[in-house]
Amino acid sequence: MKVLFILVITLFSSFVSAQQSVANGIEVIGKASIEAKPDHFIFNVLIFERGRIASKTKAIVDQKSRLVIDSYLHTGIDKNAIDSSRLQLSPRYEKRVNVSDFEIQQRVHGRSTPINAKVVVNSKNLFNSDLNEKQKIYFEVSRTITVTFTDFELYDQLLDNAVKIGVSHITPLQSAIADNEALYQQALIKAVENAKQKAQAIAQQIGAKLGVITRLKESSYHAPRAYAMASDSRESFNSQTIKKNITAQVSVNFTIKH
């Protein structure tokens, strides 16, 4: 009897909750996405050299930088899309390892019987020797060149040119959708339409008519501005890019009419 009473109370509570939910309206989640292909590409090349003389080391970096930039211009890249202002010059110091004193054994003559003698030599007392240098200095010079382009067909050629010149490092390609905000607005409108279709289907099932929107909340946003792509500069390899989804999600509450 007690079990039956609990079951009745539970069913009644569920019925009351459902009636309250219907009275408050119908709340649904609307989702939509739009496919778009990246149309904006960026990558960096790093030119790095190390040498004893700062001016000569920088001259080597400058020469390679000019070759890289000229190769970009010859492929049709606009000069305003090339940034080569990031130059770094750093002095580096290497401390010499301390060399401990050492002994030299020699025979002393001039007596009736030669004898063996030990002579202790301190490395600090040695002149014109590398052991006397307390530290060694050299310079590291690097320049980062950033290129921005919209024609993906140029990508492999830009990579090949940089590799042939002998740059030190190439970063992964950064891809983006230039007009992603406008595309997101389109996805947002479709998400609201999707929410309305869901709410109408629910209202039809419960024998009610859909009313006006009482609350709408943008609950999700995904429009990637930039993302990394792996690069491959091997000969006879053609890079390719794929479409990306720009998604929108909304939470909408509708009134209902019985």
C-alpha atoms as a PDB file:
ATOM      1  CA  MET A   1       0.000   0.000   0.000  1.00  0.00           C
ATOM      2  CA  LYS A   2       2.817   2.353   0.905  1.00  0.00           C
ATOM      3  CA  VAL A   3       4.593   1.614  -2.409  1.00  0.00           C
ATOM      4  CA  LEU A   4       1.399   2.357  -4.358  1.00  0.00           C
ATOM      5  CA  PHE A   5       0.993   5.685  -2.536  1.00  0.00           C
ATOM      6  CA  ILE A   6       4.582   6.745  -3.395  1.00  0.00           C
ATOM      7  CA  LEU A   7       4.027   5.803  -7.052  1.00  0.00           C
ATOM      8  CA  VAL A   8       0.845   7.919  -7.247  1.00  0.00           C
ATOM      9  CA  ILE A   9       2.585  10.916  -5.664  1.00  0.00           C
ATOM     10  CA  THR A  10       5.506  10.609  -8.124  1.00  0.00           C
ATOM     11  CA  LEU A  11       3.208  10.465 -11.171  1.00  0.00           C
ATOM     12  CA  PHE A  12       1.178  13.430  -9.900  1.00  0.00           C
ATOM     13  CA  SER A  13       4.365  15.492  -9.355  1.00  0.00           C
ATOM     14  CA  SER A  14       5.601  14.705 -12.861  1.00  0.00           C
ATOM     15  CA  PHE A  15       2.196  15.723 -14.306  1.00  0.00           C
ATOM     16  CA  VAL A  16       2.223  19.034 -12.410  1.00  0.00           C
ATOM     17  CA  SER A  17       5.802  19.763 -13.566  1.00  0.00           C
ATOM     18  CA  ALA A  18       4.879  19.040 -17.192  1.00  0.00           C
ATOM     19  CA  GLN A  19       1.824  21.324 -16.936  1.00  0.00           C
ATOM     20  CA  GLN A  20       3.987  24.095 -15.481  1.00  0.00           C
ATOM     21  CA  SER A  21       6.559  23.638 -18.281  1.00  0.00           C
ATOM     22  CA  VAL A  22       3.831  23.858 -20.928  1.00  0.00           C
ATOM     23  CA  ALA A  23       2.374  26.920 -19.204  1.00  0.00           C
ATOM     24  CA  ASN A  24       5.793  28.593 -19.304  1.00  0.00           C
ATOM     25  CA  GLY A  25       6.149  27.869 -23.016  1.00  0.00           C
ATOM     26  CA  ILE A  26       8.485  25.746 -25.093  1.00  0.00           C
ATOM     27  CA  GLU A  27      12.243  26.149 -24.857  1.00  0.00           C
ATOM     28  CA  VAL A  28      14.400  24.692 -27.629  1.00  0.00           C
ATOM     29  CA  ILE A  29      18.001  24.795 -28.862  1.00  0.00           C
ATOM     30  CA  GLY A  30      18.548  25.799 -32.479  1.00  0.00           C
ATOM     31  CA  LYS A  31      21.768  24.945 -34.331  1.00  0.00           C
ATOM     32  CA  ALA A  32      23.145  25.715 -37.786  1.00  0.00           C
ATOM     33  CA  SER A  33      26.485  25.720 -39.593  1.00  0.00           C
ATOM     34  CA  ILE A  34      27.880  27.100 -42.830  1.00  0.00           C
ATOM     35  CA  GLU A  35      30.835  25.621 -44.703  1.00  0.00           C
ATOM     36  CA  ALA A  36      33.515  28.003 -45.914  1.00  0.00           C
ATOM     37  CA  LYS A  37      36.938  27.566 -47.440  1.00  0.00           C
ATOM     38  CA  PRO A  38      39.883  29.526 -45.982  1.00  0.00           C
ATOM     39  CA  ASP A  39      40.869  32.519 -48.088  1.00  0.00           C
ATOM     40  CA  HIS A  40      43.540  34.154 -45.929  1.00  0.00           C
ATOM     41  CA  PHE A  41      46.963  32.560 -45.318  1.00  0.00           C
ATOM     42  CA  ILE A  42      50.006  33.533 -43.230  1.00  0.00           C
ATOM     43  CA  PHE A  43      53.329  31.888 -42.427  1.00  0.00           C
ATOM     44  CA  ASN A  44      56.745  32.975 -41.133  1.00  0.00           C
ATOM     45  CA  VAL A  45      60.286  32.113 -42.133  1.00  0.00           C
ATOM     46  CA  LEU A  46      63.188  32.533 -39.736  1.00  0.00           C
ATOM     47  CA  ILE A  47      66.717  33.306 -40.876  1.00  0.00           C
ATOM     48  CA  PHE A  48      69.326  32.659 -38.191  1.00  0.00           C
ATOM     49  CA  GLU A  49      73.106  33.050 -38.183  1.00  0.00           C
ATOM     50  CA  ARG A  50      75.828  32.929 -35.539  1.00  0.00           C
ATOM     51  CA  GLY A  51      79.272  34.573 -35.743  1.00  0.00           C
ATOM     52  CA  ARG A  52      82.087  36.313 -33.897  1.00  0.00           C
ATOM     53  CA  ILE A  53      81.541  39.712 -35.583  1.00  0.00           C
ATOM     54  CA  ALA A  54      78.098  41.243 -35.271  1.00  0.00           C
ATOM     55  CA  SER A  55      78.203  43.338 -38.456  1.00  0.00           C
ATOM     56  CA  LYS A  56      79.328  40.441 -40.658  1.00  0.00           C
ATOM     57  CA  THR A  57      76.758  38.087 -39.146  1.00  0.00           C
ATOM     58  CA  LYS A  58      73.974  40.615 -39.742  1.00  0.00           C
ATOM     59  CA  ALA A  59      75.159  41.115 -43.335  1.00  0.00           C
ATOM     60  CA  ILE A  60      74.629  37.395 -44.021  1.00  0.00           C
ATOM     61  CA  VAL A  61      71.134  37.554 -42.523  1.00  0.00           C
ATOM     62  CA  ASP A  62      70.330  40.672 -44.575  1.00  0.00           C
ATOM     63  CA  GLN A  63      71.485  39.015 -47.786  1.00  0.00           C
ATOM     64  CA  LYS A  64      69.269  35.958 -47.232  1.00  0.00           C
ATOM     65  CA  SER A  65      66.377  38.219 -46.257  1.00  0.00           C
ATOM     66  CA  ARG A  66      66.640  40.115 -49.540  1.00  0.00           C
ATOM     67  CA  LEU A  67      66.642  36.851 -51.477  1.00  0.00           C
ATOM     68  CA  VAL A  68      63.521  35.636 -49.663  1.00  0.00           C
ATOM     69  CA  ILE A  69      61.646  38.903 -50.181  1.00  0.00           C
ATOM     70  CA  ASP A  70      62.645  39.112 -53.862  1.00  0.00           C
ATOM     71  CA  SER A  71      61.399  35.555 -54.419  1.00  0.00           C
ATOM     72  CA  TYR A  72      58.052  36.491 -52.831  1.00  0.00           C
ATOM     73  CA  LEU A  73      57.712  39.590 -55.013  1.00  0.00           C
ATOM     74  CA  HIS A  74      58.453  37.567 -58.158  1.00  0.00           C
ATOM     75  CA  THR A  75      55.602  35.179 -57.356  1.00  0.00           C
ATOM     76  CA  GLY A  76      53.160  38.069 -57.256  1.00  0.00           C
ATOM     77  CA  ILE A  77      53.002  38.840 -53.525  1.00  0.00           C
ATOM     78  CA  ASP A  78      52.365  42.521 -52.811  1.00  0.00           C
ATOM     79  CA  LYS A  79      55.228  44.215 -50.958  1.00  0.00           C
ATOM     80  CA  ASN A  80      52.769  45.530 -48.362  1.00  0.00           C
ATOM     81  CA  ALA A  81      51.929  41.908 -47.478  1.00  0.00           C
ATOM     82  CA  ILE A  82      55.536  41.186 -46.404  1.00  0.00           C
ATOM     83  CA  ASP A  83      56.732  42.142 -42.925  1.00  0.00           C
ATOM     84  CA  SER A  84      60.489  41.859 -42.335  1.00  0.00           C
ATOM     85  CA  SER A  85      60.856  44.254 -39.393  1.00  0.00           C
ATOM     86  CA  ARG A  86      61.487  41.638 -36.700  1.00  0.00           C
ATOM     87  CA  LEU A  87      65.283  41.633 -36.353  1.00  0.00           C
ATOM     88  CA  GLN A  88      66.996  40.313 -33.240  1.00  0.00           C
ATOM     89  CA  LEU A  89      70.710  40.554 -32.337  1.00  0.00           C
ATOM     90  CA  SER A  90      71.936  38.963 -29.124  1.00  0.00           C
ATOM     91  CA  PRO A  91      75.485  38.629 -27.739  1.00  0.00           C
ATOM     92  CA  ARG A  92      76.237  35.249 -26.205  1.00  0.00           C
ATOM     93  CA  TYR A  93      78.896  34.395 -23.655  1.00  0.00           C
ATOM     94  CA  GLU A  94      80.469  31.034 -23.015  1.00  0.00           C
ATOM     95  CA  LYS A  95      82.463  30.757 -19.806  1.00  0.00           C
ATOM     96  CA  ARG A  96      85.641  28.748 -19.988  1.00  0.00           C
ATOM     97  CA  VAL A  97      85.858  25.679 -17.790  1.00  0.00           C
ATOM     98  CA  ASN A  98      88.401  26.206 -15.011  1.00  0.00           C
ATOM     99  CA  VAL A  99      91.469  24.062 -15.522  1.00  0.00           C
ATOM    100  CA  SER A 100      93.033  22.767 -12.328  1.00  0.00           C
ATOM    101  CA  ASP A 101      96.715  23.067 -11.596  1.00  0.00           C
ATOM    102  CA  PHE A 102      98.848  20.300 -13.001  1.00  0.00           C
ATOM    103  CA  GLU A 103     102.276  18.836 -12.242  1.00  0.00           C
ATOM    104  CA  ILE A 104     105.301  18.393 -14.489  1.00  0.00           C
ATOM    105  CA  GLN A 105     107.992  15.950 -13.522  1.00  0.00           C
ATOM    106  CA  GLN A 106     111.536  16.632 -14.761  1.00  0.00           C
ATOM    107  CA  ARG A 107     115.020  15.415 -14.042  1.00  0.00           C
ATOM    108  CA  VAL A 108     117.426  17.921 -12.508  1.00  0.00           C
ATOM    109  CA  HIS A 109     121.004  17.590 -13.739  1.00  0.00           C
ATOM    110  CA  GLY A 110     124.158  19.333 -12.579  1.00  0.00           C
ATOM    111  CA  ARG A 111     124.723  17.077  -9.616  1.00  0.00           C
ATOM    112  CA  SER A 112     126.703  13.948  -9.253  1.00  0.00           C
ATOM    113  CA  THR A 113     123.444  12.025  -9.203  1.00  0.00           C
ATOM    114  CA  PRO A 114     120.442  13.364 -11.202  1.00  0.00           C
ATOM    115  CA  ILE A 115     117.213  13.573  -9.235  1.00  0.00           C
ATOM    116  CA  ASN A 116     113.513  13.767 -10.191  1.00  0.00           C
ATOM    117  CA  ALA A 117     111.719  17.020  -9.310  1.00  0.00           C
ATOM    118  CA  LYS A 118     108.022  18.008  -9.445  1.00  0.00           C
ATOM    119  CA  VAL A 119     106.932  21.443 -10.705  1.00  0.00           C
ATOM    120  CA  VAL A 120     103.356  22.629 -10.058  1.00  0.00           C
ATOM    121  CA  VAL A 121     101.990  24.797 -12.907  1.00  0.00           C
ATOM    122  CA  ASN A 122      99.052  27.150 -12.381  1.00  0.00           C
ATOM    123  CA  SER A 123      96.981  27.601 -15.563  1.00  0.00           C
ATOM    124  CA  LYS A 124      96.366  31.267 -14.713  1.00  0.00           C
ATOM    125  CA  ASN A 125     100.100  31.944 -15.087  1.00  0.00           C
ATOM    126  CA  LEU A 126     100.161  30.697 -18.678  1.00  0.00           C
ATOM    127  CA  PHE A 127     100.375  33.495 -21.246  1.00  0.00           C
ATOM    128  CA  ASN A 128      99.087  33.473 -24.842  1.00  0.00           C
ATOM    129  CA  SER A 129      96.959  30.461 -24.104  1.00  0.00           C
ATOM    130  CA  ASP A 130      93.262  29.751 -24.575  1.00  0.00           C
ATOM    131  CA  LEU A 131      93.215  28.534 -21.013  1.00  0.00           C
ATOM    132  CA  ASN A 132      93.623  32.132 -19.896  1.00  0.00           C
ATOM    133  CA  GLU A 133      90.369  33.281 -21.534  1.00  0.00           C
ATOM    134  CA  LYS A 134      87.654  33.683 -18.940  1.00  0.00           C
ATOM    135  CA  GLN A 135      84.794  33.851 -21.485  1.00  0.00           C
ATOM    136  CA  LYS A 136      84.112  33.567 -25.176  1.00  0.00           C
ATOM    137  CA  ILE A 137      81.700  35.929 -26.954  1.00  0.00           C
ATOM    138  CA  TYR A 138      79.761  35.509 -30.205  1.00  0.00           C
ATOM    139  CA  PHE A 139      76.611  36.973 -31.714  1.00  0.00           C
ATOM    140  CA  GLU A 140      73.297  35.476 -32.760  1.00  0.00           C
ATOM    141  CA  VAL A 141      71.359  37.385 -35.410  1.00  0.00           C
ATOM    142  CA  SER A 142      67.897  36.420 -36.621  1.00  0.00           C
ATOM    143  CA  ARG A 143      65.173  37.950 -38.752  1.00  0.00           C
ATOM    144  CA  THR A 144      61.556  36.789 -39.023  1.00  0.00           C
ATOM    145  CA  ILE A 145      59.747  37.443 -42.295  1.00  0.00           C
ATOM    146  CA  THR A 146      55.951  37.201 -42.307  1.00  0.00           C
ATOM    147  CA  VAL A 147      54.066  36.857 -45.579  1.00  0.00           C
ATOM    148  CA  THR A 148      50.301  37.160 -46.062  1.00  0.00           C
ATOM    149  CA  PHE A 149      48.561  35.962 -49.221  1.00  0.00           C
ATOM    150  CA  THR A 150      45.131  34.965 -50.512  1.00  0.00           C
ATOM    151  CA  ASP A 151      45.974  32.680 -53.443  1.00  0.00           C
ATOM    152  CA  PHE A 152      46.621  29.242 -51.952  1.00  0.00           C
ATOM    153  CA  GLU A 153      48.142  28.048 -55.244  1.00  0.00           C
ATOM    154  CA  LEU A 154      51.237  30.107 -54.401  1.00  0.00           C
ATOM    155  CA  TYR A 155      51.928  28.286 -51.148  1.00  0.00           C
ATOM    156  CA  ASP A 156      54.115  25.463 -52.434  1.00  0.00           C
ATOM    157  CA  GLN A 157      56.184  27.829 -54.561  1.00  0.00           C
ATOM    158  CA  LEU A 158      56.774  30.148 -51.609  1.00  0.00           C
ATOM    159  CA  LEU A 159      57.920  27.203 -49.505  1.00  0.00           C
ATOM    160  CA  ASP A 160      60.256  25.861 -52.182  1.00  0.00           C
ATOM    161  CA  ASN A 161      61.905  29.253 -52.660  1.00  0.00           C
ATOM    162  CA  ALA A 162      62.515  29.644 -48.929  1.00  0.00           C
ATOM    163  CA  VAL A 163      64.014  26.157 -48.660  1.00  0.00           C
ATOM    164  CA  LYS A 164      66.368  26.742 -51.607  1.00  0.00           C
ATOM    165  CA  ILE A 165      67.640  29.992 -50.098  1.00  0.00           C
ATOM    166  CA  GLY A 166      68.420  28.171 -46.864  1.00  0.00           C
ATOM    167  CA  VAL A 167      66.203  29.650 -44.193  1.00  0.00           C
ATOM    168  CA  SER A 168      66.505  28.230 -40.697  1.00  0.00           C
ATOM    169  CA  HIS A 169      62.850  27.584 -39.868  1.00  0.00           C
ATOM    170  CA  ILE A 170      59.389  27.744 -41.453  1.00  0.00           C
ATOM    171  CA  THR A 171      56.318  27.951 -39.212  1.00  0.00           C
ATOM    172  CA  PRO A 172      53.108  26.008 -39.938  1.00  0.00           C
ATOM    173  CA  LEU A 173      50.673  27.757 -42.226  1.00  0.00           C
ATOM    174  CA  GLN A 174      48.001  29.841 -40.501  1.00  0.00           C
ATOM    175  CA  SER A 175      44.679  29.822 -42.346  1.00  0.00           C
ATOM    176  CA  ALA A 176      41.659  32.004 -41.729  1.00  0.00           C
ATOM    177  CA  ILE A 177      38.351  33.020 -43.244  1.00  0.00           C
ATOM    178  CA  ALA A 178      38.439  36.748 -43.865  1.00  0.00           C
ATOM    179  CA  ASP A 179      34.657  37.266 -43.917  1.00  0.00           C
ATOM    180  CA  ASN A 180      33.814  34.877 -41.086  1.00  0.00           C
ATOM    181  CA  GLU A 181      31.720  37.427 -39.162  1.00  0.00           C
ATOM    182  CA  ALA A 182      29.268  37.855 -42.049  1.00  0.00           C
ATOM    183  CA  LEU A 183      29.095  34.089 -42.489  1.00  0.00           C
ATOM    184  CA  TYR A 184      28.421  33.666 -38.790  1.00  0.00           C
ATOM    185  CA  GLN A 185      25.501  36.082 -39.001  1.00  0.00           C
ATOM    186  CA  GLN A 186      24.014  33.858 -41.724  1.00  0.00           C
ATOM    187  CA  ALA A 187      24.493  30.783 -39.526  1.00  0.00           C
ATOM    188  CA  LEU A 188      22.864  32.620 -36.623  1.00  0.00           C
ATOM    189  CA  ILE A 189      19.712  33.343 -38.656  1.00  0.00           C
ATOM    190  CA  LYS A 190      19.539  29.693 -39.705  1.00  0.00           C
ATOM    191  CA  ALA A 191      19.927  28.607 -36.061  1.00  0.00           C
ATOM    192  CA  VAL A 192      16.872  30.694 -35.087  1.00  0.00           C
ATOM    193  CA  GLU A 193      14.897  29.137 -37.963  1.00  0.00           C
ATOM    194  CA  ASN A 194      15.991  25.693 -36.777  1.00  0.00           C
ATOM    195  CA  ALA A 195      14.765  26.491 -33.246  1.00  0.00           C
ATOM    196  CA  LYS A 196      11.388  27.629 -34.594  1.00  0.00           C
ATOM    197  CA  GLN A 197      10.968  24.395 -36.591  1.00  0.00           C
ATOM    198  CA  LYS A 198      11.692  22.330 -33.500  1.00  0.00           C
ATOM    199  CA  ALA A 199       9.236  24.319 -31.376  1.00  0.00           C
ATOM    200  CA  GLN A 200       6.490  24.000 -34.017  1.00  0.00           C
ATOM    201  CA  ALA A 201       6.955  20.229 -34.128  1.00  0.00           C
ATOM    202  CA  ILE A 202       6.649  20.016 -30.336  1.00  0.00           C
ATOM    203  CA  ALA A 203       3.565  22.259 -30.260  1.00  0.00           C
ATOM    204  CA  GLN A 204       1.892  20.120 -32.906  1.00  0.00           C
ATOM    205  CA  GLN A 205       2.495  16.981 -30.861  1.00  0.00           C
ATOM    206  CA  ILE A 206       0.837  18.442 -27.754  1.00  0.00           C
ATOM    207  CA  GLY A 207      -2.077  19.952 -29.691  1.00  0.00           C
ATOM    208  CA  ALA A 208      -1.092  23.574 -29.218  1.00  0.00           C
ATOM    209  CA  LYS A 209      -0.175  26.514 -31.389  1.00  0.00           C
ATOM    210  CA  LEU A 210       3.169  28.253 -31.243  1.00  0.00           C
ATOM    211  CA  GLY A 211       3.143  31.797 -29.920  1.00  0.00           C
ATOM    212  CA  VAL A 212       5.710  34.586 -29.834  1.00  0.00           C
ATOM    213  CA  ILE A 213       9.331  34.457 -28.682  1.00  0.00           C
ATOM    214  CA  THR A 214       9.729  35.486 -25.060  1.00  0.00           C
ATOM    215  CA  ARG A 215      13.463  34.866 -24.721  1.00  0.00           C
ATOM    216  CA  LEU A 216      16.344  34.294 -27.132  1.00  0.00           C
ATOM    217  CA  LYS A 217      19.944  33.680 -26.099  1.00  0.00           C
ATOM    218  CA  GLU A 218      22.996  33.202 -28.272  1.00  0.00           C
ATOM    219  CA  SER A 219      24.577  30.239 -26.535  1.00  0.00           C
ATOM    220  CA  SER A 220      27.444  29.219 -28.772  1.00  0.00           C
ATOM    221  CA  TYR A 221      29.866  30.820 -31.187  1.00  0.00           C
ATOM    222  CA  HIS A 222      32.411  29.103 -33.378  1.00  0.00           C
ATOM    223  CA  ALA A 223      33.960  31.045 -36.221  1.00  0.00           C
ATOM    224  CA  PRO A 224      37.700  30.281 -36.266  1.00  0.00           C
ATOM    225  CA  ARG A 225      39.754  33.280 -37.272  1.00  0.00           C
ATOM    226  CA  ALA A 226      42.961  31.357 -37.680  1.00  0.00           C
ATOM    227  CA  TYR A 227      44.169  27.805 -37.302  1.00  0.00           C
ATOM    228  CA  ALA A 228      47.406  25.998 -38.010  1.00  0.00           C
ATOM    229  CA  MET A 229      47.947  23.662 -40.920  1.00  0.00           C
ATOM    230  CA  ALA A 230      50.835  21.272 -41.358  1.00  0.00           C
ATOM    231  CA  SER A 231      53.128  22.135 -44.231  1.00  0.00           C
ATOM    232  CA  ASP A 232      55.130  19.944 -46.535  1.00  0.00           C
ATOM    233  CA  SER A 233      57.693  21.317 -48.959  1.00  0.00           C
ATOM    234  CA  ARG A 234      58.778  18.075 -50.596  1.00  0.00           C
ATOM    235  CA  GLU A 235      59.221  18.163 -54.336  1.00  0.00           C
ATOM    236  CA  SER A 236      56.169  17.080 -56.373  1.00  0.00           C
ATOM    237  CA  PHE A 237      53.903  17.449 -53.333  1.00  0.00           C
ATOM    238  CA  ASN A 238      50.862  19.699 -53.686  1.00  0.00           C
ATOM    239  CA  SER A 239      49.391  21.161 -50.510  1.00  0.00           C
ATOM    240  CA  GLN A 240      45.659  21.445 -50.172  1.00  0.00           C
ATOM    241  CA  THR A 241      43.171  23.037 -47.818  1.00  0.00           C
ATOM    242  CA  ILE A 242      39.715  21.940 -46.744  1.00  0.00           C
ATOM    243  CA  LYS A 243      36.478  23.687 -45.829  1.00  0.00           C
ATOM    244  CA  LYS A 244      35.710  24.607 -42.239  1.00  0.00           C
ATOM    245  CA  ASN A 245      32.373  24.900 -40.450  1.00  0.00           C
ATOM    246  CA  ILE A 246      31.192  28.185 -38.969  1.00  0.00           C
ATOM    247  CA  THR A 247      28.519  27.235 -36.435  1.00  0.00           C
ATOM    248  CA  ALA A 248      25.932  29.097 -34.393  1.00  0.00           C
ATOM    249  CA  GLN A 249      23.646  27.983 -31.560  1.00  0.00           C
ATOM    250  CA  VAL A 250      20.736  29.729 -29.854  1.00  0.00           C
ATOM    251  CA  SER A 251      18.372  28.984 -26.977  1.00  0.00           C
ATOM    252  CA  VAL A 252      14.813  30.197 -27.686  1.00  0.00           C
ATOM    253  CA  ASN A 253      11.673  30.224 -25.562  1.00  0.00           C
ATOM    254  CA  PHE A 254       8.237  30.379 -27.282  1.00  0.00           C
ATOM    255  CA  THR A 255       4.813  30.914 -25.764  1.00  0.00           C
ATOM    256  CA  ILE A 256       2.093  28.428 -26.711  1.00  0.00           C
ATOM    257  CA  LYS A 257      -1.636  28.733 -27.335  1.00  0.00           C
ATOM    258  CA  HIS A 258      -3.959  25.867 -26.338  1.00  0.00           C
END
